Amino acid sequence: MNISGILVQVRPEYIDQVINAIKESDYSDYHMHDESGKIVVTIEGEDVSEEIAKLNLLQKIPHVISADMMYAYSENELDKERAKLEQGGKIPEWLNDPDAKPEDIKYNGDLRGKKF
């Protein structure tokens, strides 16, 4: 599960209208606001894609000037990425050698798409 803090910015005269829309939504949780038009909201999702979809919905609420992710916590994604690394193959021994010297590393160009 992922959770992200979102800062929503609106003009002060639309604060109540936007807060009501946020409270009525099933994709975000209202927490607080100030009189200048800043509203603090959180969203949750199974992954980043779901969170981005919910952020896009916030941005489409009438009178929202901006809705930006200020904080993100990803509970399971780090474990998934570690598992991918572990399944990806053996790490060359020299990468774990504490005596390896950076000047001995040979760079052979772009490594994207190369198999080791």
PDB file of N, CA and C in Angstrom:
ATOM      1  N   MET A   1       0.853  -1.187   0.000  1.00  0.00           N
ATOM      2  CA  MET A   1       0.000   0.000   0.000  1.00  0.00           C
ATOM      3  C   MET A   1       0.886   1.232   0.000  1.00  0.00           C
ATOM      4  N   ASN A   2       0.536   2.200  -0.808  1.00  0.00           N
ATOM      5  CA  ASN A   2       1.223   3.483  -0.869  1.00  0.00           C
ATOM      6  C   ASN A   2       0.307   4.561  -0.302  1.00  0.00           C
ATOM      7  N   ILE A   3       0.926   5.564   0.290  1.00  0.00           N
ATOM      8  CA  ILE A   3       0.176   6.729   0.769  1.00  0.00           C
ATOM      9  C   ILE A   3       0.982   7.967   0.420  1.00  0.00           C
ATOM     10  N   SER A   4       0.281   9.008  -0.020  1.00  0.00           N
ATOM     11  CA  SER A   4       0.952  10.247  -0.396  1.00  0.00           C
ATOM     12  C   SER A   4       0.209  11.448   0.144  1.00  0.00           C
ATOM     13  N   GLY A   5       0.980  12.444   0.557  1.00  0.00           N
ATOM     14  CA  GLY A   5       0.428  13.719   0.989  1.00  0.00           C
ATOM     15  C   GLY A   5       0.381  14.666  -0.194  1.00  0.00           C
ATOM     16  N   ILE A   6      -0.756  15.293  -0.371  1.00  0.00           N
ATOM     17  CA  ILE A   6      -0.985  16.187  -1.510  1.00  0.00           C
ATOM     18  C   ILE A   6      -1.312  17.579  -0.990  1.00  0.00           C
ATOM     19  N   LEU A   7      -0.709  18.581  -1.597  1.00  0.00           N
ATOM     20  CA  LEU A   7      -1.060  19.975  -1.303  1.00  0.00           C
ATOM     21  C   LEU A   7      -1.899  20.494  -2.458  1.00  0.00           C
ATOM     22  N   VAL A   8      -3.135  20.840  -2.158  1.00  0.00           N
ATOM     23  CA  VAL A   8      -4.065  21.378  -3.150  1.00  0.00           C
ATOM     24  C   VAL A   8      -4.129  22.886  -2.949  1.00  0.00           C
ATOM     25  N   GLN A   9      -4.004  23.633  -4.033  1.00  0.00           N
ATOM     26  CA  GLN A   9      -4.049  25.093  -3.964  1.00  0.00           C
ATOM     27  C   GLN A   9      -5.287  25.594  -4.706  1.00  0.00           C
ATOM     28  N   VAL A  10      -6.076  26.433  -4.027  1.00  0.00           N
ATOM     29  CA  VAL A  10      -7.263  27.050  -4.635  1.00  0.00           C
ATOM     30  C   VAL A  10      -7.289  28.530  -4.243  1.00  0.00           C
ATOM     31  N   ARG A  11      -8.081  29.299  -4.951  1.00  0.00           N
ATOM     32  CA  ARG A  11      -8.276  30.693  -4.523  1.00  0.00           C
ATOM     33  C   ARG A  11      -9.141  30.672  -3.265  1.00  0.00           C
ATOM     34  N   PRO A  12      -8.884  31.586  -2.322  1.00  0.00           N
ATOM     35  CA  PRO A  12      -9.588  31.570  -1.034  1.00  0.00           C
ATOM     36  C   PRO A  12     -11.112  31.522  -1.135  1.00  0.00           C
ATOM     37  N   GLU A  13     -11.676  32.153  -2.135  1.00  0.00           N
ATOM     38  CA  GLU A  13     -13.144  32.171  -2.230  1.00  0.00           C
ATOM     39  C   GLU A  13     -13.732  30.808  -2.610  1.00  0.00           C
ATOM     40  N   TYR A  14     -12.898  29.859  -3.025  1.00  0.00           N
ATOM     41  CA  TYR A  14     -13.383  28.530  -3.416  1.00  0.00           C
ATOM     42  C   TYR A  14     -13.012  27.433  -2.414  1.00  0.00           C
ATOM     43  N   ILE A  15     -12.426  27.794  -1.283  1.00  0.00           N
ATOM     44  CA  ILE A  15     -11.972  26.794  -0.314  1.00  0.00           C
ATOM     45  C   ILE A  15     -13.101  25.844   0.087  1.00  0.00           C
ATOM     46  N   ASP A  16     -14.222  26.387   0.534  1.00  0.00           N
ATOM     47  CA  ASP A  16     -15.310  25.527   1.021  1.00  0.00           C
ATOM     48  C   ASP A  16     -15.839  24.602  -0.071  1.00  0.00           C
ATOM     49  N   GLN A  17     -15.972  25.120  -1.271  1.00  0.00           N
ATOM     50  CA  GLN A  17     -16.493  24.325  -2.381  1.00  0.00           C
ATOM     51  C   GLN A  17     -15.544  23.160  -2.701  1.00  0.00           C
ATOM     52  N   VAL A  18     -14.249  23.426  -2.736  1.00  0.00           N
ATOM     53  CA  VAL A  18     -13.282  22.378  -3.057  1.00  0.00           C
ATOM     54  C   VAL A  18     -13.163  21.374  -1.903  1.00  0.00           C
ATOM     55  N   ILE A  19     -13.175  21.852  -0.671  1.00  0.00           N
ATOM     56  CA  ILE A  19     -13.121  20.938   0.477  1.00  0.00           C
ATOM     57  C   ILE A  19     -14.318  19.995   0.451  1.00  0.00           C
ATOM     58  N   ASN A  20     -15.492  20.513   0.149  1.00  0.00           N
ATOM     59  CA  ASN A  20     -16.677  19.651   0.067  1.00  0.00           C
ATOM     60  C   ASN A  20     -16.518  18.591  -1.019  1.00  0.00           C
ATOM     61  N   ALA A  21     -15.965  18.983  -2.175  1.00  0.00           N
ATOM     62  CA  ALA A  21     -15.750  18.022  -3.260  1.00  0.00           C
ATOM     63  C   ALA A  21     -14.755  16.942  -2.828  1.00  0.00           C
ATOM     64  N   ILE A  22     -13.715  17.341  -2.113  1.00  0.00           N
ATOM     65  CA  ILE A  22     -12.719  16.378  -1.634  1.00  0.00           C
ATOM     66  C   ILE A  22     -13.349  15.426  -0.623  1.00  0.00           C
ATOM     67  N   LYS A  23     -14.114  15.974   0.320  1.00  0.00           N
ATOM     68  CA  LYS A  23     -14.753  15.142   1.342  1.00  0.00           C
ATOM     69  C   LYS A  23     -15.760  14.168   0.740  1.00  0.00           C
ATOM     70  N   GLU A  24     -16.421  14.569  -0.337  1.00  0.00           N
ATOM     71  CA  GLU A  24     -17.415  13.715  -0.981  1.00  0.00           C
ATOM     72  C   GLU A  24     -16.779  12.669  -1.896  1.00  0.00           C
ATOM     73  N   SER A  25     -15.513  12.849  -2.226  1.00  0.00           N
ATOM     74  CA  SER A  25     -14.845  11.900  -3.126  1.00  0.00           C
ATOM     75  C   SER A  25     -14.543  10.600  -2.388  1.00  0.00           C
ATOM     76  N   ASP A  26     -14.376   9.543  -3.163  1.00  0.00           N
ATOM     77  CA  ASP A  26     -14.013   8.257  -2.561  1.00  0.00           C
ATOM     78  C   ASP A  26     -12.543   7.918  -2.817  1.00  0.00           C
ATOM     79  N   TYR A  27     -11.761   8.899  -3.262  1.00  0.00           N
ATOM     80  CA  TYR A  27     -10.367   8.654  -3.616  1.00  0.00           C
ATOM     81  C   TYR A  27      -9.367   9.490  -2.824  1.00  0.00           C
ATOM     82  N   SER A  28      -9.837  10.334  -1.894  1.00  0.00           N
ATOM     83  CA  SER A  28      -8.909  11.161  -1.124  1.00  0.00           C
ATOM     84  C   SER A  28      -9.489  11.479   0.251  1.00  0.00           C
ATOM     85  N   ASP A  29      -8.597  11.880   1.156  1.00  0.00           N
ATOM     86  CA  ASP A  29      -9.007  12.235   2.513  1.00  0.00           C
ATOM     87  C   ASP A  29      -8.539  13.651   2.832  1.00  0.00           C
ATOM     88  N   TYR A  30      -9.479  14.490   3.239  1.00  0.00           N
ATOM     89  CA  TYR A  30      -9.183  15.863   3.652  1.00  0.00           C
ATOM     90  C   TYR A  30      -8.618  15.854   5.074  1.00  0.00           C
ATOM     91  N   HIS A  31      -7.606  16.736   5.321  1.00  0.00           N
ATOM     92  CA  HIS A  31      -7.035  16.814   6.666  1.00  0.00           C
ATOM     93  C   HIS A  31      -7.094  18.217   7.253  1.00  0.00           C
ATOM     94  N   MET A  32      -6.692  19.212   6.485  1.00  0.00           N
ATOM     95  CA  MET A  32      -6.681  20.583   7.018  1.00  0.00           C
ATOM     96  C   MET A  32      -6.518  21.572   5.870  1.00  0.00           C
ATOM     97  N   HIS A  33      -6.718  22.850   6.203  1.00  0.00           N
ATOM     98  CA  HIS A  33      -6.505  23.900   5.215  1.00  0.00           C
ATOM     99  C   HIS A  33      -6.169  25.197   5.945  1.00  0.00           C
ATOM    100  N   ASP A  34      -5.691  26.171   5.174  1.00  0.00           N
ATOM    101  CA  ASP A  34      -5.523  27.512   5.739  1.00  0.00           C
ATOM    102  C   ASP A  34      -6.348  28.485   4.903  1.00  0.00           C
ATOM    103  N   GLU A  35      -6.452  29.694   5.360  1.00  0.00           N
ATOM    104  CA  GLU A  35      -7.314  30.677   4.696  1.00  0.00           C
ATOM    105  C   GLU A  35      -6.743  31.217   3.386  1.00  0.00           C
ATOM    106  N   SER A  36      -5.464  30.906   3.106  1.00  0.00           N
ATOM    107  CA  SER A  36      -4.881  31.370   1.846  1.00  0.00           C
ATOM    108  C   SER A  36      -5.242  30.461   0.682  1.00  0.00           C
ATOM    109  N   GLY A  37      -5.831  29.294   0.971  1.00  0.00           N
ATOM    110  CA  GLY A  37      -6.265  28.397  -0.098  1.00  0.00           C
ATOM    111  C   GLY A  37      -5.455  27.120  -0.215  1.00  0.00           C
ATOM    112  N   LYS A  38      -4.627  26.839   0.770  1.00  0.00           N
ATOM    113  CA  LYS A  38      -3.862  25.588   0.766  1.00  0.00           C
ATOM    114  C   LYS A  38      -4.646  24.526   1.534  1.00  0.00           C
ATOM    115  N   ILE A  39      -4.809  23.360   0.895  1.00  0.00           N
ATOM    116  CA  ILE A  39      -5.565  22.255   1.474  1.00  0.00           C
ATOM    117  C   ILE A  39      -4.663  21.021   1.499  1.00  0.00           C
ATOM    118  N   VAL A  40      -4.607  20.350   2.645  1.00  0.00           N
ATOM    119  CA  VAL A  40      -3.794  19.145   2.786  1.00  0.00           C
ATOM    120  C   VAL A  40      -4.694  17.918   2.675  1.00  0.00           C
ATOM    121  N   VAL A  41      -4.296  17.009   1.778  1.00  0.00           N
ATOM    122  CA  VAL A  41      -5.084  15.829   1.452  1.00  0.00           C
ATOM    123  C   VAL A  41      -4.132  14.630   1.413  1.00  0.00           C
ATOM    124  N   THR A  42      -4.632  13.436   1.682  1.00  0.00           N
ATOM    125  CA  THR A  42      -3.857  12.227   1.425  1.00  0.00           C
ATOM    126  C   THR A  42      -4.614  11.330   0.464  1.00  0.00           C
ATOM    127  N   ILE A  43      -3.840  10.565  -0.288  1.00  0.00           N
ATOM    128  CA  ILE A  43      -4.398   9.548  -1.178  1.00  0.00           C
ATOM    129  C   ILE A  43      -3.664   8.245  -0.904  1.00  0.00           C
ATOM    130  N   GLU A  44      -4.341   7.131  -1.169  1.00  0.00           N
ATOM    131  CA  GLU A  44      -3.744   5.813  -1.009  1.00  0.00           C
ATOM    132  C   GLU A  44      -3.928   5.034  -2.294  1.00  0.00           C
ATOM    133  N   GLY A  45      -3.014   4.098  -2.539  1.00  0.00           N
ATOM    134  CA  GLY A  45      -3.123   3.253  -3.717  1.00  0.00           C
ATOM    135  C   GLY A  45      -2.284   2.004  -3.581  1.00  0.00           C
ATOM    136  N   GLU A  46      -2.604   1.016  -4.384  1.00  0.00           N
ATOM    137  CA  GLU A  46      -1.827  -0.226  -4.379  1.00  0.00           C
ATOM    138  C   GLU A  46      -0.439  -0.002  -4.982  1.00  0.00           C
ATOM    139  N   ASP A  47      -0.335   0.968  -5.893  1.00  0.00           N
ATOM    140  CA  ASP A  47       0.947   1.271  -6.524  1.00  0.00           C
ATOM    141  C   ASP A  47       0.945   2.728  -6.976  1.00  0.00           C
ATOM    142  N   VAL A  48       2.049   3.156  -7.546  1.00  0.00           N
ATOM    143  CA  VAL A  48       2.191   4.548  -7.972  1.00  0.00           C
ATOM    144  C   VAL A  48       1.166   4.896  -9.049  1.00  0.00           C
ATOM    145  N   SER A  49       0.868   3.963  -9.932  1.00  0.00           N
ATOM    146  CA  SER A  49      -0.107   4.232 -11.002  1.00  0.00           C
ATOM    147  C   SER A  49      -1.470   4.619 -10.443  1.00  0.00           C
ATOM    148  N   GLU A  50      -1.896   3.898  -9.423  1.00  0.00           N
ATOM    149  CA  GLU A  50      -3.192   4.204  -8.810  1.00  0.00           C
ATOM    150  C   GLU A  50      -3.157   5.567  -8.125  1.00  0.00           C
ATOM    151  N   GLU A  51      -2.042   5.877  -7.465  1.00  0.00           N
ATOM    152  CA  GLU A  51      -1.928   7.186  -6.814  1.00  0.00           C
ATOM    153  C   GLU A  51      -1.945   8.319  -7.835  1.00  0.00           C
ATOM    154  N   ILE A  52      -1.250   8.143  -8.945  1.00  0.00           N
ATOM    155  CA  ILE A  52      -1.220   9.172  -9.993  1.00  0.00           C
ATOM    156  C   ILE A  52      -2.622   9.379 -10.562  1.00  0.00           C
ATOM    157  N   ALA A  53      -3.362   8.297 -10.738  1.00  0.00           N
ATOM    158  CA  ALA A  53      -4.745   8.414 -11.239  1.00  0.00           C
ATOM    159  C   ALA A  53      -5.596   9.236 -10.274  1.00  0.00           C
ATOM    160  N   LYS A  54      -5.414   9.011  -8.975  1.00  0.00           N
ATOM    161  CA  LYS A  54      -6.175   9.763  -7.975  1.00  0.00           C
ATOM    162  C   LYS A  54      -5.719  11.223  -7.921  1.00  0.00           C
ATOM    163  N   LEU A  55      -4.424  11.446  -8.068  1.00  0.00           N
ATOM    164  CA  LEU A  55      -3.910  12.822  -8.120  1.00  0.00           C
ATOM    165  C   LEU A  55      -4.510  13.565  -9.309  1.00  0.00           C
ATOM    166  N   ASN A  56      -4.614  12.892 -10.441  1.00  0.00           N
ATOM    167  CA  ASN A  56      -5.235  13.511 -11.622  1.00  0.00           C
ATOM    168  C   ASN A  56      -6.690  13.880 -11.371  1.00  0.00           C
ATOM    169  N   LEU A  57      -7.413  13.040 -10.628  1.00  0.00           N
ATOM    170  CA  LEU A  57      -8.804  13.362 -10.284  1.00  0.00           C
ATOM    171  C   LEU A  57      -8.872  14.613  -9.411  1.00  0.00           C
ATOM    172  N   LEU A  58      -7.958  14.731  -8.445  1.00  0.00           N
ATOM    173  CA  LEU A  58      -7.915  15.935  -7.607  1.00  0.00           C
ATOM    174  C   LEU A  58      -7.669  17.177  -8.448  1.00  0.00           C
ATOM    175  N   GLN A  59      -6.766  17.058  -9.400  1.00  0.00           N
ATOM    176  CA  GLN A  59      -6.427  18.198 -10.248  1.00  0.00           C
ATOM    177  C   GLN A  59      -7.593  18.651 -11.115  1.00  0.00           C
ATOM    178  N   LYS A  60      -8.551  17.746 -11.366  1.00  0.00           N
ATOM    179  CA  LYS A  60      -9.698  18.064 -12.217  1.00  0.00           C
ATOM    180  C   LYS A  60     -10.889  18.648 -11.463  1.00  0.00           C
ATOM    181  N   ILE A  61     -10.803  18.722 -10.131  1.00  0.00           N
ATOM    182  CA  ILE A  61     -11.891  19.327  -9.364  1.00  0.00           C
ATOM    183  C   ILE A  61     -11.990  20.802  -9.755  1.00  0.00           C
ATOM    184  N   PRO A  62     -13.193  21.297 -10.032  1.00  0.00           N
ATOM    185  CA  PRO A  62     -13.333  22.707 -10.401  1.00  0.00           C
ATOM    186  C   PRO A  62     -12.706  23.640  -9.359  1.00  0.00           C
ATOM    187  N   HIS A  63     -12.005  24.638  -9.838  1.00  0.00           N
ATOM    188  CA  HIS A  63     -11.349  25.691  -9.050  1.00  0.00           C
ATOM    189  C   HIS A  63     -10.025  25.277  -8.424  1.00  0.00           C
ATOM    190  N   VAL A  64      -9.577  24.050  -8.661  1.00  0.00           N
ATOM    191  CA  VAL A  64      -8.254  23.650  -8.176  1.00  0.00           C
ATOM    192  C   VAL A  64      -7.209  24.265  -9.113  1.00  0.00           C
ATOM    193  N   ILE A  65      -6.319  25.045  -8.526  1.00  0.00           N
ATOM    194  CA  ILE A  65      -5.224  25.641  -9.300  1.00  0.00           C
ATOM    195  C   ILE A  65      -4.117  24.613  -9.492  1.00  0.00           C
ATOM    196  N   SER A  66      -3.778  23.920  -8.409  1.00  0.00           N
ATOM    197  CA  SER A  66      -2.758  22.867  -8.488  1.00  0.00           C
ATOM    198  C   SER A  66      -2.994  21.852  -7.383  1.00  0.00           C
ATOM    199  N   ALA A  67      -2.543  20.642  -7.639  1.00  0.00           N
ATOM    200  CA  ALA A  67      -2.550  19.565  -6.648  1.00  0.00           C
ATOM    201  C   ALA A  67      -1.245  18.809  -6.885  1.00  0.00           C
ATOM    202  N   ASP A  68      -0.346  18.908  -5.915  1.00  0.00           N
ATOM    203  CA  ASP A  68       0.989  18.342  -6.091  1.00  0.00           C
ATOM    204  C   ASP A  68       1.352  17.413  -4.940  1.00  0.00           C
ATOM    205  N   MET A  69       2.016  16.314  -5.301  1.00  0.00           N
ATOM    206  CA  MET A  69       2.469  15.350  -4.321  1.00  0.00           C
ATOM    207  C   MET A  69       3.635  15.953  -3.536  1.00  0.00           C
ATOM    208  N   MET A  70       3.493  16.011  -2.218  1.00  0.00           N
ATOM    209  CA  MET A  70       4.536  16.569  -1.361  1.00  0.00           C
ATOM    210  C   MET A  70       5.295  15.483  -0.617  1.00  0.00           C
ATOM    211  N   TYR A  71       4.659  14.342  -0.419  1.00  0.00           N
ATOM    212  CA  TYR A  71       5.255  13.253   0.337  1.00  0.00           C
ATOM    213  C   TYR A  71       4.693  11.948  -0.201  1.00  0.00           C
ATOM    214  N   ALA A  72       5.547  10.944  -0.319  1.00  0.00           N
ATOM    215  CA  ALA A  72       5.082   9.639  -0.777  1.00  0.00           C
ATOM    216  C   ALA A  72       5.751   8.538   0.035  1.00  0.00           C
ATOM    217  N   TYR A  73       4.972   7.546   0.415  1.00  0.00           N
ATOM    218  CA  TYR A  73       5.485   6.385   1.122  1.00  0.00           C
ATOM    219  C   TYR A  73       5.020   5.146   0.372  1.00  0.00           C
ATOM    220  N   SER A  74       5.964   4.306  -0.006  1.00  0.00           N
ATOM    221  CA  SER A  74       5.661   3.096  -0.755  1.00  0.00           C
ATOM    222  C   SER A  74       6.061   1.882   0.072  1.00  0.00           C
ATOM    223  N   GLU A  75       5.078   1.208   0.587  1.00  0.00           N
ATOM    224  CA  GLU A  75       5.316   0.103   1.500  1.00  0.00           C
ATOM    225  C   GLU A  75       5.894  -1.130   0.807  1.00  0.00           C
ATOM    226  N   ASN A  76       5.316  -1.555  -0.296  1.00  0.00           N
ATOM    227  CA  ASN A  76       5.700  -2.824  -0.910  1.00  0.00           C
ATOM    228  C   ASN A  76       6.591  -2.688  -2.133  1.00  0.00           C
ATOM    229  N   GLU A  77       6.675  -1.532  -2.718  1.00  0.00           N
ATOM    230  CA  GLU A  77       7.405  -1.399  -3.969  1.00  0.00           C
ATOM    231  C   GLU A  77       8.895  -1.643  -3.807  1.00  0.00           C
ATOM    232  N   LEU A  78       9.477  -1.277  -2.670  1.00  0.00           N
ATOM    233  CA  LEU A  78      10.893  -1.527  -2.452  1.00  0.00           C
ATOM    234  C   LEU A  78      11.167  -3.027  -2.446  1.00  0.00           C
ATOM    235  N   ASP A  79      10.318  -3.805  -1.797  1.00  0.00           N
ATOM    236  CA  ASP A  79      10.488  -5.255  -1.777  1.00  0.00           C
ATOM    237  C   ASP A  79      10.382  -5.847  -3.184  1.00  0.00           C
ATOM    238  N   LYS A  80       9.460  -5.339  -3.995  1.00  0.00           N
ATOM    239  CA  LYS A  80       9.314  -5.827  -5.372  1.00  0.00           C
ATOM    240  C   LYS A  80      10.576  -5.534  -6.182  1.00  0.00           C
ATOM    241  N   GLU A  81      11.131  -4.334  -6.015  1.00  0.00           N
ATOM    242  CA  GLU A  81      12.338  -3.981  -6.755  1.00  0.00           C
ATOM    243  C   GLU A  81      13.532  -4.805  -6.291  1.00  0.00           C
ATOM    244  N   ARG A  82      13.650  -5.064  -4.998  1.00  0.00           N
ATOM    245  CA  ARG A  82      14.726  -5.924  -4.497  1.00  0.00           C
ATOM    246  C   ARG A  82      14.609  -7.329  -5.086  1.00  0.00           C
ATOM    247  N   ALA A  83      13.382  -7.843  -5.160  1.00  0.00           N
ATOM    248  CA  ALA A  83      13.174  -9.172  -5.733  1.00  0.00           C
ATOM    249  C   ALA A  83      13.596  -9.199  -7.194  1.00  0.00           C
ATOM    250  N   LYS A  84      13.304  -8.146  -7.947  1.00  0.00           N
ATOM    251  CA  LYS A  84      13.727  -8.079  -9.351  1.00  0.00           C
ATOM    252  C   LYS A  84      15.241  -8.115  -9.457  1.00  0.00           C
ATOM    253  N   LEU A  85      15.925  -7.383  -8.590  1.00  0.00           N
ATOM    254  CA  LEU A  85      17.386  -7.373  -8.609  1.00  0.00           C
ATOM    255  C   LEU A  85      17.951  -8.757  -8.295  1.00  0.00           C
ATOM    256  N   GLU A  86      17.356  -9.418  -7.317  1.00  0.00           N
ATOM    257  CA  GLU A  86      17.829 -10.742  -6.934  1.00  0.00           C
ATOM    258  C   GLU A  86      17.613 -11.762  -8.041  1.00  0.00           C
ATOM    259  N   GLN A  87      16.563 -11.608  -8.823  1.00  0.00           N
ATOM    260  CA  GLN A  87      16.273 -12.533  -9.912  1.00  0.00           C
ATOM    261  C   GLN A  87      17.038 -12.165 -11.182  1.00  0.00           C
ATOM    262  N   GLY A  88      17.580 -10.974 -11.213  1.00  0.00           N
ATOM    263  CA  GLY A  88      18.221 -10.469 -12.426  1.00  0.00           C
ATOM    264  C   GLY A  88      19.565 -11.067 -12.751  1.00  0.00           C
ATOM    265  N   GLY A  89      20.148 -11.814 -11.876  1.00  0.00           N
ATOM    266  CA  GLY A  89      21.443 -12.413 -12.173  1.00  0.00           C
ATOM    267  C   GLY A  89      22.470 -12.057 -11.123  1.00  0.00           C
ATOM    268  N   LYS A  90      23.621 -12.634 -11.287  1.00  0.00           N
ATOM    269  CA  LYS A  90      24.692 -12.476 -10.320  1.00  0.00           C
ATOM    270  C   LYS A  90      25.359 -11.104 -10.481  1.00  0.00           C
ATOM    271  N   ILE A  91      25.677 -10.502  -9.357  1.00  0.00           N
ATOM    272  CA  ILE A  91      26.409  -9.232  -9.353  1.00  0.00           C
ATOM    273  C   ILE A  91      27.888  -9.555  -9.532  1.00  0.00           C
ATOM    274  N   PRO A  92      28.574  -8.877 -10.455  1.00  0.00           N
ATOM    275  CA  PRO A  92      30.003  -9.142 -10.643  1.00  0.00           C
ATOM    276  C   PRO A  92      30.767  -8.975  -9.334  1.00  0.00           C
ATOM    277  N   GLU A  93      31.704  -9.887  -9.094  1.00  0.00           N
ATOM    278  CA  GLU A  93      32.472  -9.893  -7.850  1.00  0.00           C
ATOM    279  C   GLU A  93      33.173  -8.565  -7.594  1.00  0.00           C
ATOM    280  N   TRP A  94      33.704  -7.938  -8.643  1.00  0.00           N
ATOM    281  CA  TRP A  94      34.479  -6.713  -8.443  1.00  0.00           C
ATOM    282  C   TRP A  94      33.647  -5.575  -7.863  1.00  0.00           C
ATOM    283  N   LEU A  95      32.315  -5.634  -8.010  1.00  0.00           N
ATOM    284  CA  LEU A  95      31.469  -4.595  -7.425  1.00  0.00           C
ATOM    285  C   LEU A  95      31.452  -4.674  -5.902  1.00  0.00           C
ATOM    286  N   ASN A  96      31.711  -5.853  -5.359  1.00  0.00           N
ATOM    287  CA  ASN A  96      31.731  -6.028  -3.908  1.00  0.00           C
ATOM    288  C   ASN A  96      33.146  -6.023  -3.328  1.00  0.00           C
ATOM    289  N   ASP A  97      34.139  -5.809  -4.164  1.00  0.00           N
ATOM    290  CA  ASP A  97      35.528  -5.823  -3.714  1.00  0.00           C
ATOM    291  C   ASP A  97      35.867  -4.475  -3.071  1.00  0.00           C
ATOM    292  N   PRO A  98      36.155  -4.472  -1.747  1.00  0.00           N
ATOM    293  CA  PRO A  98      36.465  -3.201  -1.082  1.00  0.00           C
ATOM    294  C   PRO A  98      37.782  -2.576  -1.561  1.00  0.00           C
ATOM    295  N   ASP A  99      38.625  -3.372  -2.226  1.00  0.00           N
ATOM    296  CA  ASP A  99      39.898  -2.851  -2.723  1.00  0.00           C
ATOM    297  C   ASP A  99      39.826  -2.386  -4.176  1.00  0.00           C
ATOM    298  N   ALA A 100      38.666  -2.519  -4.795  1.00  0.00           N
ATOM    299  CA  ALA A 100      38.527  -2.089  -6.192  1.00  0.00           C
ATOM    300  C   ALA A 100      38.747  -0.586  -6.302  1.00  0.00           C
ATOM    301  N   LYS A 101      39.429  -0.188  -7.356  1.00  0.00           N
ATOM    302  CA  LYS A 101      39.737   1.225  -7.576  1.00  0.00           C
ATOM    303  C   LYS A 101      38.864   1.751  -8.721  1.00  0.00           C
ATOM    304  N   PRO A 102      38.226   2.887  -8.529  1.00  0.00           N
ATOM    305  CA  PRO A 102      37.368   3.439  -9.584  1.00  0.00           C
ATOM    306  C   PRO A 102      38.104   3.622 -10.913  1.00  0.00           C
ATOM    307  N   GLU A 103      39.377   3.966 -10.858  1.00  0.00           N
ATOM    308  CA  GLU A 103      40.114   4.194 -12.103  1.00  0.00           C
ATOM    309  C   GLU A 103      40.335   2.901 -12.899  1.00  0.00           C
ATOM    310  N   ASP A 104      40.113   1.734 -12.263  1.00  0.00           N
ATOM    311  CA  ASP A 104      40.264   0.459 -12.972  1.00  0.00           C
ATOM    312  C   ASP A 104      38.984   0.022 -13.686  1.00  0.00           C
ATOM    313  N   ILE A 105      37.899   0.737 -13.477  1.00  0.00           N
ATOM    314  CA  ILE A 105      36.625   0.381 -14.104  1.00  0.00           C
ATOM    315  C   ILE A 105      36.651   0.842 -15.552  1.00  0.00           C
ATOM    316  N   LYS A 106      36.355  -0.076 -16.467  1.00  0.00           N
ATOM    317  CA  LYS A 106      36.332   0.251 -17.892  1.00  0.00           C
ATOM    318  C   LYS A 106      34.897   0.598 -18.288  1.00  0.00           C
ATOM    319  N   TYR A 107      34.752   1.744 -18.913  1.00  0.00           N
ATOM    320  CA  TYR A 107      33.438   2.164 -19.406  1.00  0.00           C
ATOM    321  C   TYR A 107      33.390   1.872 -20.898  1.00  0.00           C
ATOM    322  N   ASN A 108      32.389   1.131 -21.314  1.00  0.00           N
ATOM    323  CA  ASN A 108      32.274   0.747 -22.722  1.00  0.00           C
ATOM    324  C   ASN A 108      31.047   1.361 -23.379  1.00  0.00           C
ATOM    325  N   GLY A 109      30.653   2.542 -22.955  1.00  0.00           N
ATOM    326  CA  GLY A 109      29.516   3.208 -23.586  1.00  0.00           C
ATOM    327  C   GLY A 109      28.214   2.957 -22.850  1.00  0.00           C
ATOM    328  N   ASP A 110      27.139   3.162 -23.547  1.00  0.00           N
ATOM    329  CA  ASP A 110      25.805   3.050 -23.004  1.00  0.00           C
ATOM    330  C   ASP A 110      25.504   1.621 -22.582  1.00  0.00           C
ATOM    331  N   LEU A 111      25.039   1.438 -21.334  1.00  0.00           N
ATOM    332  CA  LEU A 111      24.767   0.095 -20.813  1.00  0.00           C
ATOM    333  C   LEU A 111      23.304  -0.308 -20.919  1.00  0.00           C
ATOM    334  N   ARG A 112      22.460   0.608 -21.379  1.00  0.00           N
ATOM    335  CA  ARG A 112      21.043   0.266 -21.490  1.00  0.00           C
ATOM    336  C   ARG A 112      20.855  -0.881 -22.470  1.00  0.00           C
ATOM    337  N   GLY A 113      20.090  -1.841 -22.070  1.00  0.00           N
ATOM    338  CA  GLY A 113      19.751  -2.953 -22.930  1.00  0.00           C
ATOM    339  C   GLY A 113      20.824  -4.026 -23.015  1.00  0.00           C
ATOM    340  N   LYS A 114      21.939  -3.852 -22.337  1.00  0.00           N
ATOM    341  CA  LYS A 114      23.013  -4.854 -22.362  1.00  0.00           C
ATOM    342  C   LYS A 114      22.714  -5.946 -21.341  1.00  0.00           C
ATOM    343  N   LYS A 115      23.078  -7.165 -21.683  1.00  0.00           N
ATOM    344  CA  LYS A 115      22.908  -8.293 -20.755  1.00  0.00           C
ATOM    345  C   LYS A 115      24.268  -8.668 -20.214  1.00  0.00           C
ATOM    346  N   PHE A 116      24.312  -8.881 -18.910  1.00  0.00           N
ATOM    347  CA  PHE A 116      25.566  -9.234 -18.259  1.00  0.00           C
ATOM    348  C   PHE A 116      25.537 -10.635 -17.721  1.00  0.00           C
TER     349      PHE A 116
END
